[in-house]
Amino acid sequence: MAELGALSEAPGEPERAEALRDALVARAAEDPEFAAAMDAWLRGAPALSEGSVTNTISGGTQHGAVVQGRDFSHLTFGGPPAPPTLGS
């Protein structure tokens, strides 16, 4: 499937993921065995959650900062502070 190869070459491009999705949907519509296999695979795949987060720290006393949460981006540890943004 060309769409899968294209996505693997540039996994960060949403258009390629959407093309793969469309190809899989079209194939499932045409091929009942493929649709059943896709359904079985999806049921076995871990669920993607938009909801809650559970953070656990164990193993004794923690020395230093601990960051807990979900969906972090643009974090830097041990580096210089970011320059102020315009208007700050």
PDB file of N, CA and C in Angstrom:
ATOM      1  N   MET A   1       0.859  -1.165   0.000  1.00  0.00           N
ATOM      2  CA  MET A   1       0.000   0.000   0.000  1.00  0.00           C
ATOM      3  C   MET A   1       0.907   1.230   0.000  1.00  0.00           C
ATOM      4  N   ALA A   2       0.814   1.993  -1.050  1.00  0.00           N
ATOM      5  CA  ALA A   2       1.689   3.154  -1.239  1.00  0.00           C
ATOM      6  C   ALA A   2       1.514   4.196  -0.141  1.00  0.00           C
ATOM      7  N   GLU A   3       0.293   4.344   0.358  1.00  0.00           N
ATOM      8  CA  GLU A   3       0.017   5.339   1.394  1.00  0.00           C
ATOM      9  C   GLU A   3       0.767   5.039   2.686  1.00  0.00           C
ATOM     10  N   LEU A   4       0.911   3.761   3.008  1.00  0.00           N
ATOM     11  CA  LEU A   4       1.652   3.377   4.206  1.00  0.00           C
ATOM     12  C   LEU A   4       3.127   3.730   4.046  1.00  0.00           C
ATOM     13  N   GLY A   5       3.685   3.459   2.877  1.00  0.00           N
ATOM     14  CA  GLY A   5       5.078   3.822   2.614  1.00  0.00           C
ATOM     15  C   GLY A   5       5.296   5.322   2.673  1.00  0.00           C
ATOM     16  N   ALA A   6       4.357   6.076   2.110  1.00  0.00           N
ATOM     17  CA  ALA A   6       4.473   7.537   2.122  1.00  0.00           C
ATOM     18  C   ALA A   6       4.434   8.069   3.549  1.00  0.00           C
ATOM     19  N   LEU A   7       3.551   7.504   4.383  1.00  0.00           N
ATOM     20  CA  LEU A   7       3.461   7.954   5.773  1.00  0.00           C
ATOM     21  C   LEU A   7       4.722   7.599   6.538  1.00  0.00           C
ATOM     22  N   SER A   8       5.296   6.428   6.281  1.00  0.00           N
ATOM     23  CA  SER A   8       6.512   6.037   7.005  1.00  0.00           C
ATOM     24  C   SER A   8       7.693   6.925   6.632  1.00  0.00           C
ATOM     25  N   GLU A   9       7.674   7.504   5.440  1.00  0.00           N
ATOM     26  CA  GLU A   9       8.746   8.419   5.026  1.00  0.00           C
ATOM     27  C   GLU A   9       8.621   9.784   5.701  1.00  0.00           C
ATOM     28  N   ALA A  10       7.410  10.193   6.020  1.00  0.00           N
ATOM     29  CA  ALA A  10       7.180  11.502   6.651  1.00  0.00           C
ATOM     30  C   ALA A  10       6.028  11.367   7.642  1.00  0.00           C
ATOM     31  N   PRO A  11       6.273  10.719   8.809  1.00  0.00           N
ATOM     32  CA  PRO A  11       5.184  10.446   9.750  1.00  0.00           C
ATOM     33  C   PRO A  11       4.551  11.685  10.363  1.00  0.00           C
ATOM     34  N   GLY A  12       5.189  12.815  10.274  1.00  0.00           N
ATOM     35  CA  GLY A  12       4.647  14.035  10.859  1.00  0.00           C
ATOM     36  C   GLY A  12       3.713  14.806   9.945  1.00  0.00           C
ATOM     37  N   GLU A  13       3.459  14.304   8.741  1.00  0.00           N
ATOM     38  CA  GLU A  13       2.604  15.024   7.801  1.00  0.00           C
ATOM     39  C   GLU A  13       1.178  14.487   7.857  1.00  0.00           C
ATOM     40  N   PRO A  14       0.253  15.272   8.399  1.00  0.00           N
ATOM     41  CA  PRO A  14      -1.128  14.804   8.553  1.00  0.00           C
ATOM     42  C   PRO A  14      -1.776  14.383   7.234  1.00  0.00           C
ATOM     43  N   GLU A  15      -1.412  15.031   6.142  1.00  0.00           N
ATOM     44  CA  GLU A  15      -2.021  14.686   4.854  1.00  0.00           C
ATOM     45  C   GLU A  15      -1.722  13.243   4.479  1.00  0.00           C
ATOM     46  N   ARG A  16      -0.530  12.768   4.810  1.00  0.00           N
ATOM     47  CA  ARG A  16      -0.173  11.383   4.491  1.00  0.00           C
ATOM     48  C   ARG A  16      -0.934  10.407   5.374  1.00  0.00           C
ATOM     49  N   ALA A  17      -1.144  10.765   6.632  1.00  0.00           N
ATOM     50  CA  ALA A  17      -1.947   9.918   7.520  1.00  0.00           C
ATOM     51  C   ALA A  17      -3.393   9.874   7.035  1.00  0.00           C
ATOM     52  N   GLU A  18      -3.910  11.002   6.588  1.00  0.00           N
ATOM     53  CA  GLU A  18      -5.277  11.038   6.081  1.00  0.00           C
ATOM     54  C   GLU A  18      -5.417  10.212   4.805  1.00  0.00           C
ATOM     55  N   ALA A  19      -4.410  10.230   3.945  1.00  0.00           N
ATOM     56  CA  ALA A  19      -4.443   9.411   2.722  1.00  0.00           C
ATOM     57  C   ALA A  19      -4.458   7.923   3.074  1.00  0.00           C
ATOM     58  N   LEU A  20      -3.674   7.524   4.079  1.00  0.00           N
ATOM     59  CA  LEU A  20      -3.675   6.126   4.518  1.00  0.00           C
ATOM     60  C   LEU A  20      -5.032   5.767   5.102  1.00  0.00           C
ATOM     61  N   ARG A  21      -5.582   6.634   5.926  1.00  0.00           N
ATOM     62  CA  ARG A  21      -6.918   6.384   6.492  1.00  0.00           C
ATOM     63  C   ARG A  21      -7.940   6.165   5.387  1.00  0.00           C
ATOM     64  N   ASP A  22      -7.929   7.042   4.388  1.00  0.00           N
ATOM     65  CA  ASP A  22      -8.892   6.933   3.291  1.00  0.00           C
ATOM     66  C   ASP A  22      -8.704   5.636   2.513  1.00  0.00           C
ATOM     67  N   ALA A  23      -7.453   5.224   2.294  1.00  0.00           N
ATOM     68  CA  ALA A  23      -7.173   3.980   1.574  1.00  0.00           C
ATOM     69  C   ALA A  23      -7.658   2.771   2.366  1.00  0.00           C
ATOM     70  N   LEU A  24      -7.466   2.794   3.689  1.00  0.00           N
ATOM     71  CA  LEU A  24      -7.920   1.680   4.526  1.00  0.00           C
ATOM     72  C   LEU A  24      -9.442   1.596   4.562  1.00  0.00           C
ATOM     73  N   VAL A  25     -10.105   2.735   4.644  1.00  0.00           N
ATOM     74  CA  VAL A  25     -11.563   2.760   4.646  1.00  0.00           C
ATOM     75  C   VAL A  25     -12.103   2.229   3.316  1.00  0.00           C
ATOM     76  N   ALA A  26     -11.502   2.652   2.216  1.00  0.00           N
ATOM     77  CA  ALA A  26     -11.945   2.192   0.896  1.00  0.00           C
ATOM     78  C   ALA A  26     -11.739   0.686   0.749  1.00  0.00           C
ATOM     79  N   ARG A  27     -10.586   0.201   1.198  1.00  0.00           N
ATOM     80  CA  ARG A  27     -10.315  -1.239   1.104  1.00  0.00           C
ATOM     81  C   ARG A  27     -11.286  -2.035   1.960  1.00  0.00           C
ATOM     82  N   ALA A  28     -11.570  -1.559   3.153  1.00  0.00           N
ATOM     83  CA  ALA A  28     -12.510  -2.250   4.039  1.00  0.00           C
ATOM     84  C   ALA A  28     -13.914  -2.271   3.438  1.00  0.00           C
ATOM     85  N   ALA A  29     -14.294  -1.213   2.730  1.00  0.00           N
ATOM     86  CA  ALA A  29     -15.610  -1.166   2.094  1.00  0.00           C
ATOM     87  C   ALA A  29     -15.726  -2.184   0.965  1.00  0.00           C
ATOM     88  N   GLU A  30     -14.615  -2.497   0.309  1.00  0.00           N
ATOM     89  CA  GLU A  30     -14.609  -3.415  -0.829  1.00  0.00           C
ATOM     90  C   GLU A  30     -14.344  -4.864  -0.441  1.00  0.00           C
ATOM     91  N   ASP A  31     -13.700  -5.089   0.716  1.00  0.00           N
ATOM     92  CA  ASP A  31     -13.224  -6.425   1.070  1.00  0.00           C
ATOM     93  C   ASP A  31     -13.677  -6.783   2.483  1.00  0.00           C
ATOM     94  N   PRO A  32     -14.728  -7.614   2.602  1.00  0.00           N
ATOM     95  CA  PRO A  32     -15.238  -7.959   3.935  1.00  0.00           C
ATOM     96  C   PRO A  32     -14.205  -8.655   4.827  1.00  0.00           C
ATOM     97  N   GLU A  33     -13.335  -9.469   4.263  1.00  0.00           N
ATOM     98  CA  GLU A  33     -12.303 -10.135   5.075  1.00  0.00           C
ATOM     99  C   GLU A  33     -11.319  -9.109   5.633  1.00  0.00           C
ATOM    100  N   PHE A  34     -10.938  -8.143   4.813  1.00  0.00           N
ATOM    101  CA  PHE A  34     -10.051  -7.077   5.265  1.00  0.00           C
ATOM    102  C   PHE A  34     -10.734  -6.265   6.355  1.00  0.00           C
ATOM    103  N   ALA A  35     -12.030  -5.962   6.158  1.00  0.00           N
ATOM    104  CA  ALA A  35     -12.783  -5.191   7.156  1.00  0.00           C
ATOM    105  C   ALA A  35     -12.814  -5.939   8.487  1.00  0.00           C
ATOM    106  N   ALA A  36     -13.031  -7.264   8.446  1.00  0.00           N
ATOM    107  CA  ALA A  36     -13.057  -8.047   9.682  1.00  0.00           C
ATOM    108  C   ALA A  36     -11.689  -8.063  10.351  1.00  0.00           C
ATOM    109  N   ALA A  37     -10.626  -8.188   9.552  1.00  0.00           N
ATOM    110  CA  ALA A  37      -9.272  -8.177  10.113  1.00  0.00           C
ATOM    111  C   ALA A  37      -8.947  -6.822  10.733  1.00  0.00           C
ATOM    112  N   MET A  38      -9.350  -5.744  10.080  1.00  0.00           N
ATOM    113  CA  MET A  38      -9.124  -4.398  10.622  1.00  0.00           C
ATOM    114  C   MET A  38      -9.882  -4.217  11.934  1.00  0.00           C
ATOM    115  N   ASP A  39     -11.122  -4.691  11.969  1.00  0.00           N
ATOM    116  CA  ASP A  39     -11.929  -4.572  13.177  1.00  0.00           C
ATOM    117  C   ASP A  39     -11.288  -5.336  14.330  1.00  0.00           C
ATOM    118  N   ALA A  40     -10.808  -6.542  14.053  1.00  0.00           N
ATOM    119  CA  ALA A  40     -10.143  -7.337  15.095  1.00  0.00           C
ATOM    120  C   ALA A  40      -8.880  -6.636  15.575  1.00  0.00           C
ATOM    121  N   TRP A  41      -8.123  -6.073  14.660  1.00  0.00           N
ATOM    122  CA  TRP A  41      -6.892  -5.364  15.029  1.00  0.00           C
ATOM    123  C   TRP A  41      -7.224  -4.148  15.895  1.00  0.00           C
ATOM    124  N   LEU A  42      -8.236  -3.395  15.518  1.00  0.00           N
ATOM    125  CA  LEU A  42      -8.614  -2.205  16.284  1.00  0.00           C
ATOM    126  C   LEU A  42      -9.072  -2.556  17.691  1.00  0.00           C
ATOM    127  N   ARG A  43      -9.807  -3.665  17.839  1.00  0.00           N
ATOM    128  CA  ARG A  43     -10.251  -4.083  19.172  1.00  0.00           C
ATOM    129  C   ARG A  43      -9.062  -4.463  20.051  1.00  0.00           C
ATOM    130  N   GLY A  44      -7.988  -4.964  19.455  1.00  0.00           N
ATOM    131  CA  GLY A  44      -6.813  -5.359  20.235  1.00  0.00           C
ATOM    132  C   GLY A  44      -5.827  -4.242  20.488  1.00  0.00           C
ATOM    133  N   ALA A  45      -5.986  -3.128  19.765  1.00  0.00           N
ATOM    134  CA  ALA A  45      -5.062  -1.995  19.915  1.00  0.00           C
ATOM    135  C   ALA A  45      -5.378  -1.233  21.193  1.00  0.00           C
ATOM    136  N   PRO A  46      -4.356  -0.684  21.848  1.00  0.00           N
ATOM    137  CA  PRO A  46      -4.637   0.100  23.054  1.00  0.00           C
ATOM    138  C   PRO A  46      -5.477   1.332  22.711  1.00  0.00           C
ATOM    139  N   ALA A  47      -6.386   1.657  23.597  1.00  0.00           N
ATOM    140  CA  ALA A  47      -7.268   2.805  23.384  1.00  0.00           C
ATOM    141  C   ALA A  47      -6.492   4.106  23.522  1.00  0.00           C
ATOM    142  N   LEU A  48      -6.816   5.038  22.665  1.00  0.00           N
ATOM    143  CA  LEU A  48      -6.276   6.388  22.785  1.00  0.00           C
ATOM    144  C   LEU A  48      -7.260   7.188  23.616  1.00  0.00           C
ATOM    145  N   SER A  49      -6.775   7.791  24.654  1.00  0.00           N
ATOM    146  CA  SER A  49      -7.659   8.484  25.575  1.00  0.00           C
ATOM    147  C   SER A  49      -7.471   9.982  25.461  1.00  0.00           C
ATOM    148  N   GLU A  50      -8.557  10.680  25.428  1.00  0.00           N
ATOM    149  CA  GLU A  50      -8.531  12.139  25.454  1.00  0.00           C
ATOM    150  C   GLU A  50      -8.732  12.646  26.870  1.00  0.00           C
ATOM    151  N   GLY A  51      -8.980  11.730  27.793  1.00  0.00           N
ATOM    152  CA  GLY A  51      -9.418  12.112  29.118  1.00  0.00           C
ATOM    153  C   GLY A  51      -8.349  12.209  30.157  1.00  0.00           C
ATOM    154  N   SER A  52      -8.546  11.474  31.210  1.00  0.00           N
ATOM    155  CA  SER A  52      -7.785  11.652  32.433  1.00  0.00           C
ATOM    156  C   SER A  52      -6.377  11.083  32.348  1.00  0.00           C
ATOM    157  N   VAL A  53      -5.590  11.456  33.325  1.00  0.00           N
ATOM    158  CA  VAL A  53      -4.210  11.006  33.466  1.00  0.00           C
ATOM    159  C   VAL A  53      -4.030  10.512  34.891  1.00  0.00           C
ATOM    160  N   THR A  54      -3.301   9.428  35.038  1.00  0.00           N
ATOM    161  CA  THR A  54      -2.940   8.932  36.365  1.00  0.00           C
ATOM    162  C   THR A  54      -1.425   8.924  36.453  1.00  0.00           C
ATOM    163  N   ASN A  55      -0.877   9.665  37.369  1.00  0.00           N
ATOM    164  CA  ASN A  55       0.568   9.722  37.579  1.00  0.00           C
ATOM    165  C   ASN A  55       0.900   9.029  38.888  1.00  0.00           C
ATOM    166  N   THR A  56       1.942   8.217  38.873  1.00  0.00           N
ATOM    167  CA  THR A  56       2.366   7.507  40.072  1.00  0.00           C
ATOM    168  C   THR A  56       3.864   7.643  40.224  1.00  0.00           C
ATOM    169  N   ILE A  57       4.289   7.959  41.420  1.00  0.00           N
ATOM    170  CA  ILE A  57       5.714   7.980  41.739  1.00  0.00           C
ATOM    171  C   ILE A  57       5.923   6.957  42.834  1.00  0.00           C
ATOM    172  N   SER A  58       6.866   6.052  42.613  1.00  0.00           N
ATOM    173  CA  SER A  58       7.134   5.040  43.626  1.00  0.00           C
ATOM    174  C   SER A  58       8.634   4.788  43.692  1.00  0.00           C
ATOM    175  N   GLY A  59       9.035   4.001  44.644  1.00  0.00           N
ATOM    176  CA  GLY A  59      10.442   3.629  44.723  1.00  0.00           C
ATOM    177  C   GLY A  59      11.243   4.454  45.696  1.00  0.00           C
ATOM    178  N   GLY A  60      10.598   5.100  46.643  1.00  0.00           N
ATOM    179  CA  GLY A  60      11.356   5.823  47.652  1.00  0.00           C
ATOM    180  C   GLY A  60      11.265   7.322  47.495  1.00  0.00           C
ATOM    181  N   THR A  61      12.172   7.999  48.159  1.00  0.00           N
ATOM    182  CA  THR A  61      12.194   9.457  48.164  1.00  0.00           C
ATOM    183  C   THR A  61      12.765   9.961  46.850  1.00  0.00           C
ATOM    184  N   GLN A  62      12.117  10.954  46.283  1.00  0.00           N
ATOM    185  CA  GLN A  62      12.587  11.564  45.041  1.00  0.00           C
ATOM    186  C   GLN A  62      13.358  12.837  45.392  1.00  0.00           C
ATOM    187  N   HIS A  63      14.529  12.973  44.862  1.00  0.00           N
ATOM    188  CA  HIS A  63      15.345  14.165  45.105  1.00  0.00           C
ATOM    189  C   HIS A  63      15.403  14.942  43.801  1.00  0.00           C
ATOM    190  N   GLY A  64      14.830  16.108  43.801  1.00  0.00           N
ATOM    191  CA  GLY A  64      14.812  16.923  42.592  1.00  0.00           C
ATOM    192  C   GLY A  64      13.395  17.092  42.073  1.00  0.00           C
ATOM    193  N   ALA A  65      13.296  17.791  40.967  1.00  0.00           N
ATOM    194  CA  ALA A  65      11.992  18.111  40.393  1.00  0.00           C
ATOM    195  C   ALA A  65      11.345  16.875  39.779  1.00  0.00           C
ATOM    196  N   VAL A  66      10.042  16.821  39.897  1.00  0.00           N
ATOM    197  CA  VAL A  66       9.243  15.790  39.257  1.00  0.00           C
ATOM    198  C   VAL A  66       8.150  16.509  38.479  1.00  0.00           C
ATOM    199  N   VAL A  67       7.997  16.156  37.223  1.00  0.00           N
ATOM    200  CA  VAL A  67       6.959  16.748  36.387  1.00  0.00           C
ATOM    201  C   VAL A  67       5.950  15.655  36.071  1.00  0.00           C
ATOM    202  N   GLN A  68       4.699  15.923  36.378  1.00  0.00           N
ATOM    203  CA  GLN A  68       3.635  14.977  36.086  1.00  0.00           C
ATOM    204  C   GLN A  68       2.586  15.672  35.243  1.00  0.00           C
ATOM    205  N   GLY A  69       2.024  14.936  34.335  1.00  0.00           N
ATOM    206  CA  GLY A  69       0.972  15.507  33.510  1.00  0.00           C
ATOM    207  C   GLY A  69       0.804  14.705  32.244  1.00  0.00           C
ATOM    208  N   ARG A  70       0.347  15.362  31.220  1.00  0.00           N
ATOM    209  CA  ARG A  70       0.084  14.715  29.942  1.00  0.00           C
ATOM    210  C   ARG A  70       0.295  15.717  28.819  1.00  0.00           C
ATOM    211  N   ASP A  71       0.735  15.209  27.689  1.00  0.00           N
ATOM    212  CA  ASP A  71       0.849  15.991  26.459  1.00  0.00           C
ATOM    213  C   ASP A  71       1.720  17.238  26.615  1.00  0.00           C
ATOM    214  N   PHE A  72       2.908  17.060  27.133  1.00  0.00           N
ATOM    215  CA  PHE A  72       3.845  18.172  27.252  1.00  0.00           C
ATOM    216  C   PHE A  72       4.500  18.448  25.905  1.00  0.00           C
ATOM    217  N   SER A  73       4.873  19.686  25.698  1.00  0.00           N
ATOM    218  CA  SER A  73       5.683  20.031  24.529  1.00  0.00           C
ATOM    219  C   SER A  73       6.551  21.229  24.899  1.00  0.00           C
ATOM    220  N   HIS A  74       7.626  21.365  24.188  1.00  0.00           N
ATOM    221  CA  HIS A  74       8.551  22.486  24.352  1.00  0.00           C
ATOM    222  C   HIS A  74       9.121  22.579  25.764  1.00  0.00           C
ATOM    223  N   LEU A  75       9.446  21.437  26.354  1.00  0.00           N
ATOM    224  CA  LEU A  75      10.071  21.425  27.672  1.00  0.00           C
ATOM    225  C   LEU A  75      11.574  21.232  27.520  1.00  0.00           C
ATOM    226  N   THR A  76      12.340  21.926  28.329  1.00  0.00           N
ATOM    227  CA  THR A  76      13.785  21.768  28.344  1.00  0.00           C
ATOM    228  C   THR A  76      14.220  21.665  29.790  1.00  0.00           C
ATOM    229  N   PHE A  77      15.041  20.670  30.081  1.00  0.00           N
ATOM    230  CA  PHE A  77      15.549  20.497  31.436  1.00  0.00           C
ATOM    231  C   PHE A  77      17.049  20.727  31.429  1.00  0.00           C
ATOM    232  N   GLY A  78      17.503  21.558  32.323  1.00  0.00           N
ATOM    233  CA  GLY A  78      18.932  21.794  32.461  1.00  0.00           C
ATOM    234  C   GLY A  78      19.523  22.757  31.456  1.00  0.00           C
ATOM    235  N   GLY A  79      18.701  23.359  30.634  1.00  0.00           N
ATOM    236  CA  GLY A  79      19.198  24.309  29.643  1.00  0.00           C
ATOM    237  C   GLY A  79      18.961  25.731  30.097  1.00  0.00           C
ATOM    238  N   PRO A  80      19.463  26.687  29.339  1.00  0.00           N
ATOM    239  CA  PRO A  80      19.231  28.089  29.702  1.00  0.00           C
ATOM    240  C   PRO A  80      17.758  28.433  29.512  1.00  0.00           C
ATOM    241  N   PRO A  81      17.263  29.421  30.248  1.00  0.00           N
ATOM    242  CA  PRO A  81      15.867  29.812  30.079  1.00  0.00           C
ATOM    243  C   PRO A  81      15.631  30.368  28.682  1.00  0.00           C
ATOM    244  N   ALA A  82      14.424  30.211  28.212  1.00  0.00           N
ATOM    245  CA  ALA A  82      14.064  30.735  26.901  1.00  0.00           C
ATOM    246  C   ALA A  82      14.014  32.260  26.966  1.00  0.00           C
ATOM    247  N   PRO A  83      14.365  32.907  25.870  1.00  0.00           N
ATOM    248  CA  PRO A  83      14.275  34.367  25.866  1.00  0.00           C
ATOM    249  C   PRO A  83      12.812  34.788  25.936  1.00  0.00           C
ATOM    250  N   PRO A  84      12.553  35.959  26.523  1.00  0.00           N
ATOM    251  CA  PRO A  84      11.154  36.400  26.625  1.00  0.00           C
ATOM    252  C   PRO A  84      10.559  36.611  25.231  1.00  0.00           C
ATOM    253  N   THR A  85       9.252  36.341  25.138  1.00  0.00           N
ATOM    254  CA  THR A  85       8.577  36.569  23.866  1.00  0.00           C
ATOM    255  C   THR A  85       8.177  38.020  23.746  1.00  0.00           C
ATOM    256  N   LEU A  86       7.979  38.473  22.554  1.00  0.00           N
ATOM    257  CA  LEU A  86       7.607  39.852  22.300  1.00  0.00           C
ATOM    258  C   LEU A  86       6.314  40.184  23.021  1.00  0.00           C
ATOM    259  N   GLY A  87       6.297  41.232  23.747  1.00  0.00           N
ATOM    260  CA  GLY A  87       5.116  41.660  24.467  1.00  0.00           C
ATOM    261  C   GLY A  87       5.031  41.116  25.893  1.00  0.00           C
ATOM    262  N   SER A  88       6.037  40.361  26.334  1.00  0.00           N
ATOM    263  CA  SER A  88       5.998  39.812  27.701  1.00  0.00           C
ATOM    264  C   SER A  88       6.653  40.752  28.671  1.00  0.00           C
TER     265      SER A  88
END
